[in-house]
Protein backbone atom coordinates (compact mmCIF):
# COMPACT_ATOMS: atom_id res chain seq x y z
CA MET A 1 0.00 0.00 0.00
CA LYS A 2 1.25 3.51 -0.77
CA GLN A 3 2.47 5.52 2.19
CA GLY A 4 0.88 8.93 2.91
CA LEU A 5 -2.16 8.25 0.74
CA HIS A 6 -4.79 8.07 3.48
CA PRO A 7 -5.42 10.80 6.05
CA GLU A 8 -4.01 10.30 9.54
CA SER A 9 -6.70 12.25 11.37
CA TYR A 10 -9.45 9.60 11.69
CA ARG A 11 -11.29 10.11 14.96
CA PRO A 12 -14.77 9.47 16.39
CA VAL A 13 -17.28 12.13 15.27
CA VAL A 14 -20.95 12.56 16.21
CA PHE A 15 -23.41 13.13 13.38
CA ARG A 16 -26.81 14.57 14.39
CA ASP A 17 -29.83 14.36 12.11
CA MET A 18 -31.54 17.73 12.57
CA SER A 19 -34.93 16.52 11.33
CA ASN A 20 -35.41 13.97 14.13
CA ASP A 21 -32.49 14.66 16.56
CA ASP A 22 -31.05 11.17 16.08
CA THR A 23 -27.29 10.96 16.76
CA PHE A 24 -24.71 8.38 15.80
CA ILE A 25 -20.97 8.11 16.31
CA THR A 26 -18.63 7.05 13.53
CA ARG A 27 -15.04 7.66 12.51
CA SER A 28 -14.38 10.53 10.13
CA THR A 29 -11.81 13.13 9.09
CA ILE A 30 -14.35 15.94 8.69
CA GLN A 31 -13.57 19.19 10.49
CA ALA A 32 -16.22 20.37 12.97
CA LYS A 33 -16.79 23.75 14.60
CA GLU A 34 -19.05 22.46 17.37
CA THR A 35 -18.64 19.77 20.02
CA ILE A 36 -21.03 17.63 22.02
CA GLU A 37 -20.58 15.57 25.18
CA ILE A 38 -21.94 12.02 25.18
CA ASP A 39 -21.35 9.69 28.14
CA GLY A 40 -18.70 12.02 29.54
CA VAL A 41 -16.67 12.13 26.32
CA THR A 42 -16.47 15.24 24.13
CA TYR A 43 -16.80 14.64 20.38
CA PRO A 44 -16.83 16.93 17.34
CA LEU A 45 -20.43 17.50 16.17
CA ILE A 46 -21.57 17.52 12.55
CA LYS A 47 -25.19 18.48 11.83
CA VAL A 48 -26.83 16.83 8.83
CA GLU A 49 -30.26 17.54 7.35
CA ILE A 50 -31.14 13.94 6.52
CA SER A 51 -29.80 10.51 7.43
CA SER A 52 -30.89 6.91 7.14
CA THR A 53 -33.20 7.36 10.15
CA SER A 54 -35.24 10.09 8.44
CA HIS A 55 -34.86 9.44 4.70
CA PRO A 56 -38.11 8.16 3.14
CA PHE A 57 -36.34 5.32 1.32
CA TYR A 58 -35.02 3.82 4.56
CA THR A 59 -38.08 4.53 6.73
CA GLY A 60 -40.54 2.91 4.31
CA LYS A 61 -42.57 6.10 3.81
CA GLN A 62 -41.52 6.50 0.20
CA LYS A 63 -44.22 7.46 -2.28
CA LEU A 64 -44.59 4.95 -5.06
CA VAL A 65 -45.64 6.26 -8.45
CA ASP A 66 -48.29 4.06 -10.03
CA THR A 67 -47.43 4.46 -13.70
CA ALA A 68 -49.47 1.44 -14.78
CA GLY A 69 -52.58 2.94 -13.20
CA ARG A 70 -51.97 6.23 -14.95
CA VAL A 71 -51.56 4.53 -18.31
CA ASP A 72 -54.76 2.53 -17.79
CA LYS A 73 -56.63 5.69 -16.83
CA PHE A 74 -55.32 7.49 -19.92
CA MET A 75 -56.24 4.59 -22.20
CA SER A 76 -59.74 4.37 -20.75
CA ARG A 77 -60.30 8.07 -21.42
CA TYR A 78 -58.50 8.65 -24.70
CA GLY A 79 -57.47 5.25 -26.07
CA ASN A 80 -60.61 4.54 -28.12
CA ARG A 81 -60.60 7.81 -30.13
CA LYS A 82 -59.95 6.04 -33.47
CA LYS A 83 -63.43 4.45 -33.54
C-alpha cells in the first residue's frame, strides 16, 4: 500500500440528524466547529439535514408512483378515439 495516501486524522465524530435529533458516532476526518458531550466524552459535532433514520427510502414512507394505473386511466379516457 502507498504511504501517505490516506489521512491520519481519523477520529470518532458525532453526526446529528436535525430533522429527528437522532445521533450516531462514527469515525471521520471531517472538520467540525461544534462539540457535544456524550457519556462524559467530548466529540466533534456535525449536523446533517437527513440521514438513514429520516430518509423516506429507509423509513418505508416512500411514495410509489403508479405508472401502470396512470396509463390505464389514460387509455380508458382517450385510447378509443380512433373508432
